[in-house]
Amino acid sequence: MGLLGELLLLPLAPVRGTGWVLRQVVAEAEKQYYDPSAIQGELRRLEGLLEAGEIDEAEFDRREDELLDRLEQKQRMAPPR
């Protein structure tokens, strides 16, 4: 885009900047949400809760399934080698 186009779009710069920031925040949140080491740590913490009797077997199974689904989604999102 030329100089004239940039000047005409200058009033929209804050909106464009906000959109960029939001995209960066969402990308980082997804990266952390699907991080295998974070999911494995959560699985270990979940096992500790079960062993300590703080959650029952049904709650453990439900939350474990959610975490394993996240791992599976991460693998499906990864580009093929």
PDB file of N, CA and C in Angstrom:
ATOM      1  N   MET A   1       0.852  -1.159   0.000  1.00  0.00           N
ATOM      2  CA  MET A   1       0.000   0.000   0.000  1.00  0.00           C
ATOM      3  C   MET A   1       0.900   1.226   0.000  1.00  0.00           C
ATOM      4  N   GLY A   2       0.517   2.199  -0.710  1.00  0.00           N
ATOM      5  CA  GLY A   2       1.323   3.397  -0.845  1.00  0.00           C
ATOM      6  C   GLY A   2       1.177   4.341   0.341  1.00  0.00           C
ATOM      7  N   LEU A   3       1.903   5.423   0.268  1.00  0.00           N
ATOM      8  CA  LEU A   3       1.897   6.426   1.328  1.00  0.00           C
ATOM      9  C   LEU A   3       0.513   7.022   1.518  1.00  0.00           C
ATOM     10  N   LEU A   4      -0.189   7.292   0.433  1.00  0.00           N
ATOM     11  CA  LEU A   4      -1.528   7.865   0.531  1.00  0.00           C
ATOM     12  C   LEU A   4      -2.475   6.898   1.251  1.00  0.00           C
ATOM     13  N   GLY A   5      -2.401   5.645   0.904  1.00  0.00           N
ATOM     14  CA  GLY A   5      -3.242   4.645   1.558  1.00  0.00           C
ATOM     15  C   GLY A   5      -2.944   4.548   3.044  1.00  0.00           C
ATOM     16  N   GLU A   6      -1.668   4.585   3.412  1.00  0.00           N
ATOM     17  CA  GLU A   6      -1.291   4.549   4.821  1.00  0.00           C
ATOM     18  C   GLU A   6      -1.821   5.764   5.563  1.00  0.00           C
ATOM     19  N   LEU A   7      -1.748   6.941   4.927  1.00  0.00           N
ATOM     20  CA  LEU A   7      -2.268   8.153   5.560  1.00  0.00           C
ATOM     21  C   LEU A   7      -3.777   8.080   5.759  1.00  0.00           C
ATOM     22  N   LEU A   8      -4.486   7.517   4.785  1.00  0.00           N
ATOM     23  CA  LEU A   8      -5.941   7.398   4.909  1.00  0.00           C
ATOM     24  C   LEU A   8      -6.334   6.398   5.995  1.00  0.00           C
ATOM     25  N   LEU A   9      -5.521   5.379   6.191  1.00  0.00           N
ATOM     26  CA  LEU A   9      -5.830   4.359   7.197  1.00  0.00           C
ATOM     27  C   LEU A   9      -5.260   4.690   8.576  1.00  0.00           C
ATOM     28  N   LEU A  10      -4.542   5.797   8.695  1.00  0.00           N
ATOM     29  CA  LEU A  10      -3.933   6.171   9.968  1.00  0.00           C
ATOM     30  C   LEU A  10      -4.933   6.256  11.120  1.00  0.00           C
ATOM     31  N   PRO A  11      -6.127   6.789  10.924  1.00  0.00           N
ATOM     32  CA  PRO A  11      -7.087   6.823  12.047  1.00  0.00           C
ATOM     33  C   PRO A  11      -7.460   5.429  12.560  1.00  0.00           C
ATOM     34  N   LEU A  12      -7.282   4.416  11.739  1.00  0.00           N
ATOM     35  CA  LEU A  12      -7.621   3.053  12.157  1.00  0.00           C
ATOM     36  C   LEU A  12      -6.454   2.333  12.835  1.00  0.00           C
ATOM     37  N   ALA A  13      -5.318   2.992  12.961  1.00  0.00           N
ATOM     38  CA  ALA A  13      -4.132   2.361  13.537  1.00  0.00           C
ATOM     39  C   ALA A  13      -4.382   1.776  14.926  1.00  0.00           C
ATOM     40  N   PRO A  14      -5.078   2.481  15.830  1.00  0.00           N
ATOM     41  CA  PRO A  14      -5.318   1.870  17.148  1.00  0.00           C
ATOM     42  C   PRO A  14      -6.134   0.583  17.069  1.00  0.00           C
ATOM     43  N   VAL A  15      -7.092   0.541  16.172  1.00  0.00           N
ATOM     44  CA  VAL A  15      -7.916  -0.658  16.012  1.00  0.00           C
ATOM     45  C   VAL A  15      -7.063  -1.800  15.447  1.00  0.00           C
ATOM     46  N   ARG A  16      -6.259  -1.490  14.449  1.00  0.00           N
ATOM     47  CA  ARG A  16      -5.392  -2.510  13.865  1.00  0.00           C
ATOM     48  C   ARG A  16      -4.381  -2.997  14.890  1.00  0.00           C
ATOM     49  N   GLY A  17      -3.855  -2.082  15.695  1.00  0.00           N
ATOM     50  CA  GLY A  17      -2.901  -2.460  16.738  1.00  0.00           C
ATOM     51  C   GLY A  17      -3.536  -3.341  17.796  1.00  0.00           C
ATOM     52  N   THR A  18      -4.751  -3.003  18.179  1.00  0.00           N
ATOM     53  CA  THR A  18      -5.470  -3.806  19.169  1.00  0.00           C
ATOM     54  C   THR A  18      -5.742  -5.202  18.621  1.00  0.00           C
ATOM     55  N   GLY A  19      -6.111  -5.287  17.365  1.00  0.00           N
ATOM     56  CA  GLY A  19      -6.338  -6.597  16.739  1.00  0.00           C
ATOM     57  C   GLY A  19      -5.077  -7.438  16.737  1.00  0.00           C
ATOM     58  N   TRP A  20      -3.941  -6.820  16.459  1.00  0.00           N
ATOM     59  CA  TRP A  20      -2.667  -7.551  16.455  1.00  0.00           C
ATOM     60  C   TRP A  20      -2.358  -8.063  17.856  1.00  0.00           C
ATOM     61  N   VAL A  21      -2.551  -7.215  18.867  1.00  0.00           N
ATOM     62  CA  VAL A  21      -2.282  -7.618  20.248  1.00  0.00           C
ATOM     63  C   VAL A  21      -3.183  -8.790  20.640  1.00  0.00           C
ATOM     64  N   LEU A  22      -4.453  -8.711  20.293  1.00  0.00           N
ATOM     65  CA  LEU A  22      -5.381  -9.795  20.616  1.00  0.00           C
ATOM     66  C   LEU A  22      -4.972 -11.104  19.942  1.00  0.00           C
ATOM     67  N   ARG A  23      -4.539 -11.027  18.689  1.00  0.00           N
ATOM     68  CA  ARG A  23      -4.086 -12.240  17.998  1.00  0.00           C
ATOM     69  C   ARG A  23      -2.860 -12.839  18.689  1.00  0.00           C
ATOM     70  N   GLN A  24      -1.963 -11.988  19.162  1.00  0.00           N
ATOM     71  CA  GLN A  24      -0.770 -12.469  19.852  1.00  0.00           C
ATOM     72  C   GLN A  24      -1.138 -13.131  21.181  1.00  0.00           C
ATOM     73  N   VAL A  25      -2.073 -12.538  21.907  1.00  0.00           N
ATOM     74  CA  VAL A  25      -2.505 -13.094  23.188  1.00  0.00           C
ATOM     75  C   VAL A  25      -3.171 -14.452  22.986  1.00  0.00           C
ATOM     76  N   VAL A  26      -4.035 -14.547  21.995  1.00  0.00           N
ATOM     77  CA  VAL A  26      -4.714 -15.817  21.712  1.00  0.00           C
ATOM     78  C   VAL A  26      -3.697 -16.885  21.301  1.00  0.00           C
ATOM     79  N   ALA A  27      -2.736 -16.524  20.473  1.00  0.00           N
ATOM     80  CA  ALA A  27      -1.722 -17.485  20.032  1.00  0.00           C
ATOM     81  C   ALA A  27      -0.909 -17.993  21.220  1.00  0.00           C
ATOM     82  N   GLU A  28      -0.527 -17.114  22.126  1.00  0.00           N
ATOM     83  CA  GLU A  28       0.251 -17.533  23.301  1.00  0.00           C
ATOM     84  C   GLU A  28      -0.594 -18.392  24.236  1.00  0.00           C
ATOM     85  N   ALA A  29      -1.855 -18.040  24.421  1.00  0.00           N
ATOM     86  CA  ALA A  29      -2.741 -18.837  25.275  1.00  0.00           C
ATOM     87  C   ALA A  29      -2.914 -20.241  24.708  1.00  0.00           C
ATOM     88  N   GLU A  30      -3.099 -20.355  23.396  1.00  0.00           N
ATOM     89  CA  GLU A  30      -3.236 -21.671  22.775  1.00  0.00           C
ATOM     90  C   GLU A  30      -1.940 -22.464  22.902  1.00  0.00           C
ATOM     91  N   LYS A  31      -0.813 -21.789  22.744  1.00  0.00           N
ATOM     92  CA  LYS A  31       0.485 -22.462  22.874  1.00  0.00           C
ATOM     93  C   LYS A  31       0.632 -23.052  24.276  1.00  0.00           C
ATOM     94  N   GLN A  32       0.275 -22.301  25.298  1.00  0.00           N
ATOM     95  CA  GLN A  32       0.376 -22.795  26.665  1.00  0.00           C
ATOM     96  C   GLN A  32      -0.663 -23.873  26.955  1.00  0.00           C
ATOM     97  N   TYR A  33      -1.864 -23.701  26.418  1.00  0.00           N
ATOM     98  CA  TYR A  33      -2.952 -24.662  26.656  1.00  0.00           C
ATOM     99  C   TYR A  33      -2.611 -26.037  26.091  1.00  0.00           C
ATOM    100  N   TYR A  34      -1.961 -26.068  24.931  1.00  0.00           N
ATOM    101  CA  TYR A  34      -1.647 -27.333  24.273  1.00  0.00           C
ATOM    102  C   TYR A  34      -0.216 -27.802  24.527  1.00  0.00           C
ATOM    103  N   ASP A  35       0.532 -27.131  25.410  1.00  0.00           N
ATOM    104  CA  ASP A  35       1.913 -27.508  25.698  1.00  0.00           C
ATOM    105  C   ASP A  35       1.946 -28.886  26.359  1.00  0.00           C
ATOM    106  N   PRO A  36       2.599 -29.874  25.713  1.00  0.00           N
ATOM    107  CA  PRO A  36       2.625 -31.227  26.274  1.00  0.00           C
ATOM    108  C   PRO A  36       3.216 -31.301  27.675  1.00  0.00           C
ATOM    109  N   SER A  37       4.246 -30.528  27.970  1.00  0.00           N
ATOM    110  CA  SER A  37       4.837 -30.596  29.309  1.00  0.00           C
ATOM    111  C   SER A  37       3.875 -30.037  30.360  1.00  0.00           C
ATOM    112  N   ALA A  38       3.112 -29.014  30.016  1.00  0.00           N
ATOM    113  CA  ALA A  38       2.119 -28.477  30.949  1.00  0.00           C
ATOM    114  C   ALA A  38       0.999 -29.493  31.175  1.00  0.00           C
ATOM    115  N   ILE A  39       0.591 -30.167  30.127  1.00  0.00           N
ATOM    116  CA  ILE A  39      -0.463 -31.174  30.253  1.00  0.00           C
ATOM    117  C   ILE A  39       0.032 -32.347  31.093  1.00  0.00           C
ATOM    118  N   GLN A  40       1.265 -32.786  30.884  1.00  0.00           N
ATOM    119  CA  GLN A  40       1.821 -33.877  31.679  1.00  0.00           C
ATOM    120  C   GLN A  40       1.935 -33.486  33.147  1.00  0.00           C
ATOM    121  N   GLY A  41       2.318 -32.235  33.400  1.00  0.00           N
ATOM    122  CA  GLY A  41       2.369 -31.759  34.783  1.00  0.00           C
ATOM    123  C   GLY A  41       0.998 -31.758  35.424  1.00  0.00           C
ATOM    124  N   GLU A  42      -0.001 -31.366  34.663  1.00  0.00           N
ATOM    125  CA  GLU A  42      -1.374 -31.381  35.174  1.00  0.00           C
ATOM    126  C   GLU A  42      -1.841 -32.814  35.438  1.00  0.00           C
ATOM    127  N   LEU A  43      -1.433 -33.748  34.599  1.00  0.00           N
ATOM    128  CA  LEU A  43      -1.776 -35.156  34.833  1.00  0.00           C
ATOM    129  C   LEU A  43      -1.137 -35.656  36.134  1.00  0.00           C
ATOM    130  N   ARG A  44       0.125 -35.274  36.376  1.00  0.00           N
ATOM    131  CA  ARG A  44       0.793 -35.678  37.626  1.00  0.00           C
ATOM    132  C   ARG A  44       0.080 -35.073  38.831  1.00  0.00           C
ATOM    133  N   ARG A  45      -0.305 -33.800  38.724  1.00  0.00           N
ATOM    134  CA  ARG A  45      -1.017 -33.141  39.817  1.00  0.00           C
ATOM    135  C   ARG A  45      -2.364 -33.821  40.070  1.00  0.00           C
ATOM    136  N   LEU A  46      -3.021 -34.213  39.007  1.00  0.00           N
ATOM    137  CA  LEU A  46      -4.304 -34.897  39.104  1.00  0.00           C
ATOM    138  C   LEU A  46      -4.152 -36.246  39.813  1.00  0.00           C
ATOM    139  N   GLU A  47      -3.082 -36.971  39.477  1.00  0.00           N
ATOM    140  CA  GLU A  47      -2.821 -38.252  40.158  1.00  0.00           C
ATOM    141  C   GLU A  47      -2.587 -38.029  41.650  1.00  0.00           C
ATOM    142  N   GLY A  48      -1.877 -36.956  41.976  1.00  0.00           N
ATOM    143  CA  GLY A  48      -1.649 -36.638  43.388  1.00  0.00           C
ATOM    144  C   GLY A  48      -2.948 -36.360  44.117  1.00  0.00           C
ATOM    145  N   LEU A  49      -3.855 -35.646  43.467  1.00  0.00           N
ATOM    146  CA  LEU A  49      -5.162 -35.369  44.074  1.00  0.00           C
ATOM    147  C   LEU A  49      -5.941 -36.659  44.308  1.00  0.00           C
ATOM    148  N   LEU A  50      -5.859 -37.576  43.356  1.00  0.00           N
ATOM    149  CA  LEU A  50      -6.556 -38.854  43.502  1.00  0.00           C
ATOM    150  C   LEU A  50      -5.962 -39.655  44.661  1.00  0.00           C
ATOM    151  N   GLU A  51      -4.639 -39.718  44.707  1.00  0.00           N
ATOM    152  CA  GLU A  51      -3.975 -40.479  45.768  1.00  0.00           C
ATOM    153  C   GLU A  51      -4.236 -39.873  47.145  1.00  0.00           C
ATOM    154  N   ALA A  52      -4.367 -38.558  47.204  1.00  0.00           N
ATOM    155  CA  ALA A  52      -4.626 -37.886  48.479  1.00  0.00           C
ATOM    156  C   ALA A  52      -6.099 -37.973  48.875  1.00  0.00           C
ATOM    157  N   GLY A  53      -6.928 -38.494  47.986  1.00  0.00           N
ATOM    158  CA  GLY A  53      -8.345 -38.629  48.284  1.00  0.00           C
ATOM    159  C   GLY A  53      -9.132 -37.332  48.114  1.00  0.00           C
ATOM    160  N   GLU A  54      -8.540 -36.347  47.463  1.00  0.00           N
ATOM    161  CA  GLU A  54      -9.228 -35.072  47.280  1.00  0.00           C
ATOM    162  C   GLU A  54     -10.245 -35.109  46.142  1.00  0.00           C
ATOM    163  N   ILE A  55     -10.080 -36.058  45.215  1.00  0.00           N
ATOM    164  CA  ILE A  55     -11.060 -36.272  44.150  1.00  0.00           C
ATOM    165  C   ILE A  55     -11.337 -37.765  44.062  1.00  0.00           C
ATOM    166  N   ASP A  56     -12.509 -38.107  43.538  1.00  0.00           N
ATOM    167  CA  ASP A  56     -12.836 -39.528  43.398  1.00  0.00           C
ATOM    168  C   ASP A  56     -12.423 -40.030  42.013  1.00  0.00           C
ATOM    169  N   GLU A  57     -12.580 -41.308  41.820  1.00  0.00           N
ATOM    170  CA  GLU A  57     -12.155 -41.951  40.570  1.00  0.00           C
ATOM    171  C   GLU A  57     -12.897 -41.382  39.352  1.00  0.00           C
ATOM    172  N   ALA A  58     -14.186 -41.114  39.509  1.00  0.00           N
ATOM    173  CA  ALA A  58     -14.973 -40.584  38.391  1.00  0.00           C
ATOM    174  C   ALA A  58     -14.472 -39.203  37.973  1.00  0.00           C
ATOM    175  N   GLU A  59     -14.190 -38.342  38.950  1.00  0.00           N
ATOM    176  CA  GLU A  59     -13.669 -37.002  38.650  1.00  0.00           C
ATOM    177  C   GLU A  59     -12.289 -37.111  38.000  1.00  0.00           C
ATOM    178  N   PHE A  60     -11.465 -38.015  38.518  1.00  0.00           N
ATOM    179  CA  PHE A  60     -10.140 -38.233  37.932  1.00  0.00           C
ATOM    180  C   PHE A  60     -10.262 -38.646  36.469  1.00  0.00           C
ATOM    181  N   ASP A  61     -11.128 -39.623  36.199  1.00  0.00           N
ATOM    182  CA  ASP A  61     -11.304 -40.114  34.832  1.00  0.00           C
ATOM    183  C   ASP A  61     -11.788 -39.004  33.896  1.00  0.00           C
ATOM    184  N   ARG A  62     -12.726 -38.210  34.358  1.00  0.00           N
ATOM    185  CA  ARG A  62     -13.265 -37.130  33.533  1.00  0.00           C
ATOM    186  C   ARG A  62     -12.180 -36.108  33.192  1.00  0.00           C
ATOM    187  N   ARG A  63     -11.438 -35.678  34.198  1.00  0.00           N
ATOM    188  CA  ARG A  63     -10.401 -34.670  33.969  1.00  0.00           C
ATOM    189  C   ARG A  63      -9.213 -35.237  33.192  1.00  0.00           C
ATOM    190  N   GLU A  64      -8.906 -36.497  33.432  1.00  0.00           N
ATOM    191  CA  GLU A  64      -7.825 -37.139  32.677  1.00  0.00           C
ATOM    192  C   GLU A  64      -8.187 -37.215  31.195  1.00  0.00           C
ATOM    193  N   ASP A  65      -9.443 -37.572  30.903  1.00  0.00           N
ATOM    194  CA  ASP A  65      -9.895 -37.626  29.508  1.00  0.00           C
ATOM    195  C   ASP A  65      -9.769 -36.261  28.833  1.00  0.00           C
ATOM    196  N   GLU A  66     -10.120 -35.193  29.547  1.00  0.00           N
ATOM    197  CA  GLU A  66     -10.000 -33.850  28.993  1.00  0.00           C
ATOM    198  C   GLU A  66      -8.544 -33.525  28.647  1.00  0.00           C
ATOM    199  N   LEU A  67      -7.629 -33.873  29.563  1.00  0.00           N
ATOM    200  CA  LEU A  67      -6.214 -33.594  29.330  1.00  0.00           C
ATOM    201  C   LEU A  67      -5.668 -34.415  28.170  1.00  0.00           C
ATOM    202  N   LEU A  68      -6.059 -35.677  28.107  1.00  0.00           N
ATOM    203  CA  LEU A  68      -5.589 -36.522  27.009  1.00  0.00           C
ATOM    204  C   LEU A  68      -6.162 -36.057  25.672  1.00  0.00           C
ATOM    205  N   ASP A  69      -7.386 -35.542  25.691  1.00  0.00           N
ATOM    206  CA  ASP A  69      -7.967 -34.970  24.470  1.00  0.00           C
ATOM    207  C   ASP A  69      -7.153 -33.768  23.995  1.00  0.00           C
ATOM    208  N   ARG A  70      -6.694 -32.942  24.943  1.00  0.00           N
ATOM    209  CA  ARG A  70      -5.860 -31.798  24.569  1.00  0.00           C
ATOM    210  C   ARG A  70      -4.557 -32.257  23.923  1.00  0.00           C
ATOM    211  N   LEU A  71      -3.955 -33.310  24.480  1.00  0.00           N
ATOM    212  CA  LEU A  71      -2.728 -33.845  23.879  1.00  0.00           C
ATOM    213  C   LEU A  71      -2.989 -34.346  22.467  1.00  0.00           C
ATOM    214  N   GLU A  72      -4.095 -35.029  22.295  1.00  0.00           N
ATOM    215  CA  GLU A  72      -4.451 -35.558  20.980  1.00  0.00           C
ATOM    216  C   GLU A  72      -4.707 -34.426  19.984  1.00  0.00           C
ATOM    217  N   GLN A  73      -5.383 -33.386  20.428  1.00  0.00           N
ATOM    218  CA  GLN A  73      -5.635 -32.236  19.552  1.00  0.00           C
ATOM    219  C   GLN A  73      -4.334 -31.591  19.133  1.00  0.00           C
ATOM    220  N   LYS A  74      -3.383 -31.488  20.046  1.00  0.00           N
ATOM    221  CA  LYS A  74      -2.079 -30.898  19.734  1.00  0.00           C
ATOM    222  C   LYS A  74      -1.380 -31.709  18.651  1.00  0.00           C
ATOM    223  N   GLN A  75      -1.450 -33.030  18.763  1.00  0.00           N
ATOM    224  CA  GLN A  75      -0.816 -33.893  17.772  1.00  0.00           C
ATOM    225  C   GLN A  75      -1.481 -33.740  16.406  1.00  0.00           C
ATOM    226  N   ARG A  76      -2.806 -33.567  16.378  1.00  0.00           N
ATOM    227  CA  ARG A  76      -3.505 -33.385  15.111  1.00  0.00           C
ATOM    228  C   ARG A  76      -3.196 -32.025  14.485  1.00  0.00           C
ATOM    229  N   MET A  77      -2.920 -31.017  15.326  1.00  0.00           N
ATOM    230  CA  MET A  77      -2.630 -29.689  14.826  1.00  0.00           C
ATOM    231  C   MET A  77      -1.199 -29.577  14.311  1.00  0.00           C
ATOM    232  N   ALA A  78      -0.325 -30.455  14.773  1.00  0.00           N
ATOM    233  CA  ALA A  78       1.087 -30.376  14.386  1.00  0.00           C
ATOM    234  C   ALA A  78       1.239 -30.696  12.902  1.00  0.00           C
ATOM    235  N   PRO A  79       2.100 -29.962  12.213  1.00  0.00           N
ATOM    236  CA  PRO A  79       2.297 -30.249  10.787  1.00  0.00           C
ATOM    237  C   PRO A  79       2.984 -31.606  10.610  1.00  0.00           C
ATOM    238  N   PRO A  80       2.646 -32.349   9.563  1.00  0.00           N
ATOM    239  CA  PRO A  80       3.267 -33.655   9.320  1.00  0.00           C
ATOM    240  C   PRO A  80       4.751 -33.476   9.012  1.00  0.00           C
ATOM    241  N   ARG A  81       5.524 -34.457   9.412  1.00  0.00           N
ATOM    242  CA  ARG A  81       6.985 -34.392   9.176  1.00  0.00           C
ATOM    243  C   ARG A  81       7.351 -35.019   7.869  1.00  0.00           C
TER     244      ARG A  81
END
